[in-house]
């Protein structure tokens, strides 16, 4: 009787083991099937993204898009890629139009409508923490393909190009009273553009495109004449007679024989 009970218990354990093994294999198979199903979905998503990028490139067909045009790609008002391409193409055409002759932009209707008769930096306000502005502006507004928030008056408008022949633009940054260049803390121009601005203003002054005043110098004829005592012949002293030198050591000096013999004796080993 005991043998039959032990045999039944063993059979029950074996059956339970095989059942668990069967269910485990089924769960593993289901997991592998899930992975197999998810893999094509992922491949489809990747291919869809690549296809979308290729379509965007075909619409744009430009080698490089400046960072100030990136808002065209993220604008919620544009519904189709065709509108995006049209806006980008128009901006690039404007850039190519004013690239060689940037001074024509200041005479265009677009510039007059945007700025009027005021300088380009008149309506600009610096964005900083606290009530006291920093003593220096930011180093640069554009780093690579990224543009910062609230860029400076020159970086925010891509049609404004610093050039030494763009006189109307350069004169906006020069004080008409002192002839000095405005400090960047007043105009808000970043340090990078300020360096280019200073260089362009100096080049324009060298070419005579911008007038500037030279400092007034009081000319005195006494400073440039050869009649002055410092540059003329030195008169003889009142105690000196004719034929004698100005200083006593300029003439012939006869040394003392005893003193000369003593010095020769001291430096005998060094004399040749």
C-alpha atoms as a PDB file:
ATOM      1  CA  UNK A   1       0.000   0.000   0.000  1.00  0.00           C
ATOM      2  CA  UNK A   2       2.783   2.371   0.855  1.00  0.00           C
ATOM      3  CA  UNK A   3       4.533   1.613  -2.417  1.00  0.00           C
ATOM      4  CA  UNK A   4       1.438   2.593  -4.425  1.00  0.00           C
ATOM      5  CA  UNK A   5       1.130   5.883  -2.529  1.00  0.00           C
ATOM      6  CA  UNK A   6       4.768   6.748  -3.119  1.00  0.00           C
ATOM      7  CA  UNK A   7       4.398   5.898  -6.818  1.00  0.00           C
ATOM      8  CA  UNK A   8       1.323   8.144  -7.159  1.00  0.00           C
ATOM      9  CA  UNK A   9       3.104  11.035  -5.439  1.00  0.00           C
ATOM     10  CA  UNK A  10       6.054  10.710  -7.816  1.00  0.00           C
ATOM     11  CA  UNK A  11       3.739  10.617 -10.827  1.00  0.00           C
ATOM     12  CA  UNK A  12       1.975  13.746  -9.582  1.00  0.00           C
ATOM     13  CA  UNK A  13       5.271  15.635  -9.177  1.00  0.00           C
ATOM     14  CA  UNK A  14       6.433  14.558 -12.643  1.00  0.00           C
ATOM     15  CA  UNK A  15       3.166  15.644 -14.210  1.00  0.00           C
ATOM     16  CA  UNK A  16       3.363  19.032 -12.418  1.00  0.00           C
ATOM     17  CA  UNK A  17       6.961  19.501 -13.613  1.00  0.00           C
ATOM     18  CA  UNK A  18       6.070  18.761 -17.247  1.00  0.00           C
ATOM     19  CA  UNK A  19       3.038  21.054 -17.111  1.00  0.00           C
ATOM     20  CA  UNK A  20       5.141  23.955 -15.753  1.00  0.00           C
ATOM     21  CA  UNK A  21       7.798  23.311 -18.354  1.00  0.00           C
ATOM     22  CA  UNK A  22       5.149  23.347 -21.084  1.00  0.00           C
ATOM     23  CA  UNK A  23       3.695  26.678 -19.929  1.00  0.00           C
ATOM     24  CA  UNK A  24       7.159  28.214 -19.617  1.00  0.00           C
ATOM     25  CA  UNK A  25       7.995  27.236 -23.182  1.00  0.00           C
ATOM     26  CA  UNK A  26       4.701  28.719 -24.358  1.00  0.00           C
ATOM     27  CA  UNK A  27       5.429  32.050 -22.549  1.00  0.00           C
ATOM     28  CA  UNK A  28       8.933  32.196 -24.026  1.00  0.00           C
ATOM     29  CA  UNK A  29       7.535  31.517 -27.473  1.00  0.00           C
ATOM     30  CA  UNK A  30       4.990  34.314 -27.015  1.00  0.00           C
ATOM     31  CA  UNK A  31       7.724  36.729 -25.942  1.00  0.00           C
ATOM     32  CA  UNK A  32       9.849  35.851 -28.963  1.00  0.00           C
ATOM     33  CA  UNK A  33       6.831  36.271 -31.223  1.00  0.00           C
ATOM     34  CA  UNK A  34       6.232  39.714 -29.687  1.00  0.00           C
ATOM     35  CA  UNK A  35       9.811  40.690 -30.420  1.00  0.00           C
ATOM     36  CA  UNK A  36       9.511  39.424 -33.960  1.00  0.00           C
ATOM     37  CA  UNK A  37       6.349  41.486 -34.444  1.00  0.00           C
ATOM     38  CA  UNK A  38       7.849  44.636 -32.902  1.00  0.00           C
ATOM     39  CA  UNK A  39      10.999  44.505 -35.066  1.00  0.00           C
ATOM     40  CA  UNK A  40       9.194  45.206 -38.393  1.00  0.00           C
ATOM     41  CA  UNK A  41       7.288  48.031 -36.702  1.00  0.00           C
ATOM     42  CA  UNK A  42      10.522  49.673 -35.637  1.00  0.00           C
ATOM     43  CA  UNK A  43      12.040  49.225 -39.088  1.00  0.00           C
ATOM     44  CA  UNK A  44       8.905  50.763 -40.610  1.00  0.00           C
ATOM     45  CA  UNK A  45       9.151  53.804 -38.320  1.00  0.00           C
ATOM     46  CA  UNK A  46      12.828  54.314 -39.190  1.00  0.00           C
ATOM     47  CA  UNK A  47      12.143  54.044 -42.913  1.00  0.00           C
ATOM     48  CA  UNK A  48       9.233  56.452 -42.587  1.00  0.00           C
ATOM     49  CA  UNK A  49      11.487  59.020 -40.866  1.00  0.00           C
ATOM     50  CA  UNK A  50      14.168  58.648 -43.548  1.00  0.00           C
ATOM     51  CA  UNK A  51      11.571  59.051 -46.280  1.00  0.00           C
ATOM     52  CA  UNK A  52      10.218  62.195 -44.635  1.00  0.00           C
ATOM     53  CA  UNK A  53      13.727  63.688 -44.393  1.00  0.00           C
ATOM     54  CA  UNK A  54      14.347  62.950 -48.070  1.00  0.00           C
ATOM     55  CA  UNK A  55      11.080  64.638 -49.023  1.00  0.00           C
ATOM     56  CA  UNK A  56      12.010  67.697 -46.975  1.00  0.00           C
ATOM     57  CA  UNK A  57      15.423  67.883 -48.663  1.00  0.00           C
ATOM     58  CA  UNK A  58      13.830  67.590 -52.083  1.00  0.00           C
ATOM     59  CA  UNK A  59      11.465  70.446 -51.243  1.00  0.00           C
ATOM     60  CA  UNK A  60      14.167  72.729 -49.865  1.00  0.00           C
ATOM     61  CA  UNK A  61      17.083  71.838 -52.165  1.00  0.00           C
ATOM     62  CA  UNK A  62      19.496  74.143 -50.340  1.00  0.00           C
ATOM     63  CA  UNK A  63      22.949  73.147 -49.019  1.00  0.00           C
ATOM     64  CA  UNK A  64      22.650  75.118 -45.785  1.00  0.00           C
ATOM     65  CA  UNK A  65      19.824  76.815 -43.923  1.00  0.00           C
ATOM     66  CA  UNK A  66      20.843  79.590 -41.579  1.00  0.00           C
ATOM     67  CA  UNK A  67      19.745  79.331 -37.946  1.00  0.00           C
ATOM     68  CA  UNK A  68      17.501  82.370 -38.209  1.00  0.00           C
ATOM     69  CA  UNK A  69      15.305  80.399 -40.641  1.00  0.00           C
ATOM     70  CA  UNK A  70      14.655  77.539 -38.258  1.00  0.00           C
ATOM     71  CA  UNK A  71      11.384  79.040 -37.035  1.00  0.00           C
ATOM     72  CA  UNK A  72       9.968  78.321 -40.489  1.00  0.00           C
ATOM     73  CA  UNK A  73      10.274  74.585 -39.793  1.00  0.00           C
ATOM     74  CA  UNK A  74       8.614  74.752 -36.359  1.00  0.00           C
ATOM     75  CA  UNK A  75       5.894  77.270 -37.159  1.00  0.00           C
ATOM     76  CA  UNK A  76       2.387  76.055 -36.372  1.00  0.00           C
ATOM     77  CA  UNK A  77       0.890  78.330 -39.029  1.00  0.00           C
ATOM     78  CA  UNK A  78       2.486  76.427 -41.892  1.00  0.00           C
ATOM     79  CA  UNK A  79       0.502  73.353 -42.754  1.00  0.00           C
ATOM     80  CA  UNK A  80       2.336  71.898 -45.735  1.00  0.00           C
ATOM     81  CA  UNK A  81       5.967  71.378 -46.646  1.00  0.00           C
ATOM     82  CA  UNK A  82       5.433  73.392 -49.823  1.00  0.00           C
ATOM     83  CA  UNK A  83       4.747  76.542 -47.829  1.00  0.00           C
ATOM     84  CA  UNK A  84       7.883  75.896 -45.769  1.00  0.00           C
ATOM     85  CA  UNK A  85       9.953  75.551 -48.909  1.00  0.00           C
ATOM     86  CA  UNK A  86       8.513  78.741 -50.413  1.00  0.00           C
ATOM     87  CA  UNK A  87       9.291  80.760 -47.286  1.00  0.00           C
ATOM     88  CA  UNK A  88      12.837  79.409 -47.085  1.00  0.00           C
ATOM     89  CA  UNK A  89      13.481  80.026 -50.780  1.00  0.00           C
ATOM     90  CA  UNK A  90      12.232  83.614 -50.465  1.00  0.00           C
ATOM     91  CA  UNK A  91      14.525  84.267 -47.509  1.00  0.00           C
ATOM     92  CA  UNK A  92      17.517  82.763 -49.296  1.00  0.00           C
ATOM     93  CA  UNK A  93      16.784  84.868 -52.376  1.00  0.00           C
ATOM     94  CA  UNK A  94      16.731  87.982 -50.176  1.00  0.00           C
ATOM     95  CA  UNK A  95      20.063  86.974 -48.661  1.00  0.00           C
ATOM     96  CA  UNK A  96      21.651  86.424 -52.057  1.00  0.00           C
ATOM     97  CA  UNK A  97      20.207  89.734 -53.274  1.00  0.00           C
ATOM     98  CA  UNK A  98      21.786  91.805 -50.472  1.00  0.00           C
ATOM     99  CA  UNK A  99      24.974  89.759 -50.069  1.00  0.00           C
ATOM    100  CA  UNK A 100      27.011  91.664 -52.669  1.00  0.00           C
ATOM    101  CA  UNK A 101      25.320  95.050 -52.135  1.00  0.00           C
ATOM    102  CA  UNK A 102      24.203  95.197 -48.480  1.00  0.00           C
ATOM    103  CA  UNK A 103      23.663  98.977 -48.613  1.00  0.00           C
ATOM    104  CA  UNK A 104      20.649  98.506 -50.892  1.00  0.00           C
ATOM    105  CA  UNK A 105      18.713  96.922 -48.044  1.00  0.00           C
ATOM    106  CA  UNK A 106      18.686 100.216 -46.124  1.00  0.00           C
ATOM    107  CA  UNK A 107      16.901 101.855 -49.066  1.00  0.00           C
ATOM    108  CA  UNK A 108      14.346  99.083 -49.580  1.00  0.00           C
ATOM    109  CA  UNK A 109      10.679  99.219 -48.589  1.00  0.00           C
ATOM    110  CA  UNK A 110      11.165  96.267 -46.257  1.00  0.00           C
ATOM    111  CA  UNK A 111      13.704  98.191 -44.185  1.00  0.00           C
ATOM    112  CA  UNK A 112      11.615 101.381 -44.112  1.00  0.00           C
ATOM    113  CA  UNK A 113       8.532  99.434 -43.058  1.00  0.00           C
ATOM    114  CA  UNK A 114      10.419  97.711 -40.248  1.00  0.00           C
ATOM    115  CA  UNK A 115      12.689 100.459 -38.883  1.00  0.00           C
ATOM    116  CA  UNK A 116      11.485 103.694 -40.446  1.00  0.00           C
ATOM    117  CA  UNK A 117      13.949 106.546 -39.980  1.00  0.00           C
ATOM    118  CA  UNK A 118      15.272 105.237 -36.643  1.00  0.00           C
ATOM    119  CA  UNK A 119      18.531 103.316 -36.169  1.00  0.00           C
ATOM    120  CA  UNK A 120      18.342  99.546 -36.188  1.00  0.00           C
ATOM    121  CA  UNK A 121      19.140  99.407 -32.453  1.00  0.00           C
ATOM    122  CA  UNK A 122      16.643 102.058 -31.291  1.00  0.00           C
ATOM    123  CA  UNK A 123      13.832  99.636 -30.369  1.00  0.00           C
ATOM    124  CA  UNK A 124      16.126  96.903 -29.023  1.00  0.00           C
ATOM    125  CA  UNK A 125      15.993  96.026 -25.335  1.00  0.00           C
ATOM    126  CA  UNK A 126      18.547  93.775 -23.689  1.00  0.00           C
ATOM    127  CA  UNK A 127      17.307  90.642 -21.966  1.00  0.00           C
ATOM    128  CA  UNK A 128      19.079  90.151 -18.633  1.00  0.00           C
ATOM    129  CA  UNK A 129      18.414  89.091 -15.073  1.00  0.00           C
ATOM    130  CA  UNK A 130      17.717  91.710 -12.444  1.00  0.00           C
ATOM    131  CA  UNK A 131      17.404  95.457 -12.752  1.00  0.00           C
ATOM    132  CA  UNK A 132      21.098  96.174 -13.371  1.00  0.00           C
ATOM    133  CA  UNK A 133      22.320  95.211 -16.858  1.00  0.00           C
ATOM    134  CA  UNK A 134      25.731  93.531 -17.248  1.00  0.00           C
ATOM    135  CA  UNK A 135      28.688  95.726 -18.188  1.00  0.00           C
ATOM    136  CA  UNK A 136      29.330  93.598 -21.282  1.00  0.00           C
ATOM    137  CA  UNK A 137      27.022  92.161 -23.903  1.00  0.00           C
ATOM    138  CA  UNK A 138      27.028  88.484 -24.815  1.00  0.00           C
ATOM    139  CA  UNK A 139      29.995  87.103 -26.741  1.00  0.00           C
ATOM    140  CA  UNK A 140      27.945  85.976 -29.744  1.00  0.00           C
ATOM    141  CA  UNK A 141      24.303  85.364 -30.623  1.00  0.00           C
ATOM    142  CA  UNK A 142      24.783  82.483 -33.088  1.00  0.00           C
ATOM    143  CA  UNK A 143      26.771  79.372 -32.190  1.00  0.00           C
ATOM    144  CA  UNK A 144      26.919  76.882 -35.024  1.00  0.00           C
ATOM    145  CA  UNK A 145      23.345  76.222 -36.125  1.00  0.00           C
ATOM    146  CA  UNK A 146      21.769  77.493 -32.902  1.00  0.00           C
ATOM    147  CA  UNK A 147      20.617  81.056 -32.291  1.00  0.00           C
ATOM    148  CA  UNK A 148      19.981  82.469 -28.844  1.00  0.00           C
ATOM    149  CA  UNK A 149      16.806  84.129 -27.643  1.00  0.00           C
ATOM    150  CA  UNK A 150      16.513  87.884 -28.193  1.00  0.00           C
ATOM    151  CA  UNK A 151      19.545  88.231 -30.509  1.00  0.00           C
ATOM    152  CA  UNK A 152      21.300  91.569 -30.953  1.00  0.00           C
ATOM    153  CA  UNK A 153      20.092  94.148 -33.542  1.00  0.00           C
ATOM    154  CA  UNK A 154      22.561  92.909 -36.167  1.00  0.00           C
ATOM    155  CA  UNK A 155      22.140  89.161 -35.628  1.00  0.00           C
ATOM    156  CA  UNK A 156      18.332  89.266 -35.534  1.00  0.00           C
ATOM    157  CA  UNK A 157      18.042  90.647 -39.086  1.00  0.00           C
ATOM    158  CA  UNK A 158      19.875  88.491 -41.662  1.00  0.00           C
ATOM    159  CA  UNK A 159      19.717  91.261 -44.264  1.00  0.00           C
ATOM    160  CA  UNK A 160      21.878  93.593 -42.158  1.00  0.00           C
ATOM    161  CA  UNK A 161      25.440  92.905 -43.286  1.00  0.00           C
ATOM    162  CA  UNK A 162      28.426  94.801 -41.897  1.00  0.00           C
ATOM    163  CA  UNK A 163      30.582  96.175 -44.703  1.00  0.00           C
ATOM    164  CA  UNK A 164      32.828  99.205 -44.886  1.00  0.00           C
ATOM    165  CA  UNK A 165      30.870 100.494 -47.917  1.00  0.00           C
ATOM    166  CA  UNK A 166      27.565 100.238 -46.043  1.00  0.00           C
ATOM    167  CA  UNK A 167      27.965 103.820 -44.805  1.00  0.00           C
ATOM    168  CA  UNK A 168      24.356 104.443 -43.772  1.00  0.00           C
ATOM    169  CA  UNK A 169      24.486 101.472 -41.418  1.00  0.00           C
ATOM    170  CA  UNK A 170      27.876 102.379 -39.941  1.00  0.00           C
ATOM    171  CA  UNK A 171      26.815 105.973 -39.275  1.00  0.00           C
ATOM    172  CA  UNK A 172      24.004 104.700 -37.051  1.00  0.00           C
ATOM    173  CA  UNK A 173      26.615 103.429 -34.590  1.00  0.00           C
ATOM    174  CA  UNK A 174      28.754 106.610 -34.580  1.00  0.00           C
ATOM    175  CA  UNK A 175      27.861 109.631 -32.460  1.00  0.00           C
ATOM    176  CA  UNK A 176      27.315 112.722 -34.663  1.00  0.00           C
ATOM    177  CA  UNK A 177      28.549 114.996 -31.853  1.00  0.00           C
ATOM    178  CA  UNK A 178      31.747 113.303 -30.683  1.00  0.00           C
ATOM    179  CA  UNK A 179      32.542 111.045 -33.654  1.00  0.00           C
ATOM    180  CA  UNK A 180      33.061 108.096 -31.304  1.00  0.00           C
ATOM    181  CA  UNK A 181      31.513 104.660 -31.737  1.00  0.00           C
ATOM    182  CA  UNK A 182      28.615 103.984 -29.384  1.00  0.00           C
ATOM    183  CA  UNK A 183      29.295 101.584 -26.553  1.00  0.00           C
ATOM    184  CA  UNK A 184      27.763  98.114 -27.110  1.00  0.00           C
ATOM    185  CA  UNK A 185      25.912  98.381 -23.777  1.00  0.00           C
ATOM    186  CA  UNK A 186      23.884 101.180 -25.374  1.00  0.00           C
ATOM    187  CA  UNK A 187      23.228  99.575 -28.755  1.00  0.00           C
ATOM    188  CA  UNK A 188      23.015  95.978 -27.460  1.00  0.00           C
ATOM    189  CA  UNK A 189      25.314  94.580 -30.168  1.00  0.00           C
ATOM    190  CA  UNK A 190      27.143  91.381 -29.214  1.00  0.00           C
ATOM    191  CA  UNK A 191      30.920  91.438 -28.838  1.00  0.00           C
ATOM    192  CA  UNK A 192      31.548  89.486 -32.047  1.00  0.00           C
ATOM    193  CA  UNK A 193      29.528  91.904 -34.191  1.00  0.00           C
ATOM    194  CA  UNK A 194      30.975  94.901 -32.324  1.00  0.00           C
ATOM    195  CA  UNK A 195      34.506  93.885 -33.337  1.00  0.00           C
ATOM    196  CA  UNK A 196      33.429  93.595 -36.972  1.00  0.00           C
ATOM    197  CA  UNK A 197      31.661  96.952 -36.659  1.00  0.00           C
ATOM    198  CA  UNK A 198      34.742  98.733 -35.287  1.00  0.00           C
ATOM    199  CA  UNK A 199      36.916  97.254 -38.028  1.00  0.00           C
ATOM    200  CA  UNK A 200      34.459  98.295 -40.760  1.00  0.00           C
ATOM    201  CA  UNK A 201      34.249 101.864 -39.375  1.00  0.00           C
ATOM    202  CA  UNK A 202      38.049 102.192 -39.316  1.00  0.00           C
ATOM    203  CA  UNK A 203      38.275 100.880 -42.888  1.00  0.00           C
ATOM    204  CA  UNK A 204      35.556 103.297 -44.038  1.00  0.00           C
ATOM    205  CA  UNK A 205      37.434 106.210 -42.445  1.00  0.00           C
ATOM    206  CA  UNK A 206      40.666 105.128 -44.137  1.00  0.00           C
ATOM    207  CA  UNK A 207      38.864 105.092 -47.497  1.00  0.00           C
ATOM    208  CA  UNK A 208      37.294 108.500 -46.840  1.00  0.00           C
ATOM    209  CA  UNK A 209      33.711 107.211 -46.762  1.00  0.00           C
ATOM    210  CA  UNK A 210      33.047 108.482 -43.220  1.00  0.00           C
ATOM    211  CA  UNK A 211      34.218 111.955 -42.224  1.00  0.00           C
ATOM    212  CA  UNK A 212      35.890 112.460 -38.869  1.00  0.00           C
ATOM    213  CA  UNK A 213      37.613 115.350 -37.120  1.00  0.00           C
ATOM    214  CA  UNK A 214      41.273 115.398 -36.248  1.00  0.00           C
ATOM    215  CA  UNK A 215      42.262 116.706 -32.800  1.00  0.00           C
ATOM    216  CA  UNK A 216      43.158 120.414 -32.736  1.00  0.00           C
ATOM    217  CA  UNK A 217      46.862 121.130 -32.223  1.00  0.00           C
ATOM    218  CA  UNK A 218      48.140 124.568 -31.249  1.00  0.00           C
ATOM    219  CA  UNK A 219      51.149 125.133 -33.515  1.00  0.00           C
ATOM    220  CA  UNK A 220      54.000 127.116 -31.978  1.00  0.00           C
ATOM    221  CA  UNK A 221      56.876 128.327 -34.167  1.00  0.00           C
ATOM    222  CA  UNK A 222      59.292 128.322 -31.249  1.00  0.00           C
ATOM    223  CA  UNK A 223      59.030 124.543 -30.915  1.00  0.00           C
ATOM    224  CA  UNK A 224      60.066 123.983 -34.548  1.00  0.00           C
ATOM    225  CA  UNK A 225      62.767 126.684 -35.035  1.00  0.00           C
ATOM    226  CA  UNK A 226      66.551 126.246 -34.912  1.00  0.00           C
ATOM    227  CA  UNK A 227      67.113 129.581 -33.195  1.00  0.00           C
ATOM    228  CA  UNK A 228      66.352 128.145 -29.770  1.00  0.00           C
ATOM    229  CA  UNK A 229      69.308 127.795 -27.373  1.00  0.00           C
ATOM    230  CA  UNK A 230      68.811 124.039 -27.047  1.00  0.00           C
ATOM    231  CA  UNK A 231      69.452 123.422 -30.746  1.00  0.00           C
ATOM    232  CA  UNK A 232      71.867 126.300 -31.565  1.00  0.00           C
ATOM    233  CA  UNK A 233      75.546 126.817 -30.766  1.00  0.00           C
ATOM    234  CA  UNK A 234      76.316 126.827 -27.057  1.00  0.00           C
ATOM    235  CA  UNK A 235      77.876 130.119 -25.993  1.00  0.00           C
ATOM    236  CA  UNK A 236      81.176 130.138 -24.078  1.00  0.00           C
ATOM    237  CA  UNK A 237      81.041 130.539 -20.287  1.00  0.00           C
ATOM    238  CA  UNK A 238      81.769 134.004 -18.932  1.00  0.00           C
ATOM    239  CA  UNK A 239      84.804 132.787 -16.892  1.00  0.00           C
ATOM    240  CA  UNK A 240      86.411 130.964 -19.808  1.00  0.00           C
ATOM    241  CA  UNK A 241      89.025 132.797 -21.856  1.00  0.00           C
ATOM    242  CA  UNK A 242      89.581 132.302 -25.533  1.00  0.00           C
ATOM    243  CA  UNK A 243      91.479 129.165 -26.484  1.00  0.00           C
ATOM    244  CA  UNK A 244      90.587 127.220 -23.343  1.00  0.00           C
ATOM    245  CA  UNK A 245      88.169 124.265 -23.422  1.00  0.00           C
ATOM    246  CA  UNK A 246      84.681 124.445 -21.903  1.00  0.00           C
ATOM    247  CA  UNK A 247      85.606 121.843 -19.288  1.00  0.00           C
ATOM    248  CA  UNK A 248      89.051 121.398 -17.781  1.00  0.00           C
ATOM    249  CA  UNK A 249      89.195 117.676 -18.582  1.00  0.00           C
ATOM    250  CA  UNK A 250      88.692 118.369 -22.288  1.00  0.00           C
ATOM    251  CA  UNK A 251      92.277 119.678 -22.502  1.00  0.00           C
ATOM    252  CA  UNK A 252      95.642 117.951 -21.967  1.00  0.00           C
ATOM    253  CA  UNK A 253      96.121 116.818 -18.362  1.00  0.00           C
ATOM    254  CA  UNK A 254      99.620 116.091 -17.037  1.00  0.00           C
ATOM    255  CA  UNK A 255      99.466 113.297 -14.408  1.00  0.00           C
ATOM    256  CA  UNK A 256     101.461 113.338 -11.161  1.00  0.00           C
ATOM    257  CA  UNK A 257     104.608 111.217 -11.478  1.00  0.00           C
ATOM    258  CA  UNK A 258     104.421 109.795  -7.938  1.00  0.00           C
ATOM    259  CA  UNK A 259     100.744 108.931  -8.251  1.00  0.00           C
ATOM    260  CA  UNK A 260     101.366 107.346 -11.643  1.00  0.00           C
ATOM    261  CA  UNK A 261     104.237 105.216 -10.240  1.00  0.00           C
ATOM    262  CA  UNK A 262     102.080 104.065  -7.324  1.00  0.00           C
ATOM    263  CA  UNK A 263      99.239 102.990  -9.601  1.00  0.00           C
ATOM    264  CA  UNK A 264     101.625 101.153 -11.940  1.00  0.00           C
ATOM    265  CA  UNK A 265     103.111  99.289  -8.970  1.00  0.00           C
ATOM    266  CA  UNK A 266      99.668  98.194  -7.771  1.00  0.00           C
ATOM    267  CA  UNK A 267      98.526  96.978 -11.193  1.00  0.00           C
ATOM    268  CA  UNK A 268     101.934  95.724 -12.396  1.00  0.00           C
ATOM    269  CA  UNK A 269     100.710  92.126 -12.766  1.00  0.00           C
ATOM    270  CA  UNK A 270      97.834  93.276 -14.957  1.00  0.00           C
ATOM    271  CA  UNK A 271      99.736  95.695 -17.177  1.00  0.00           C
ATOM    272  CA  UNK A 272     101.228  94.535 -20.449  1.00  0.00           C
END
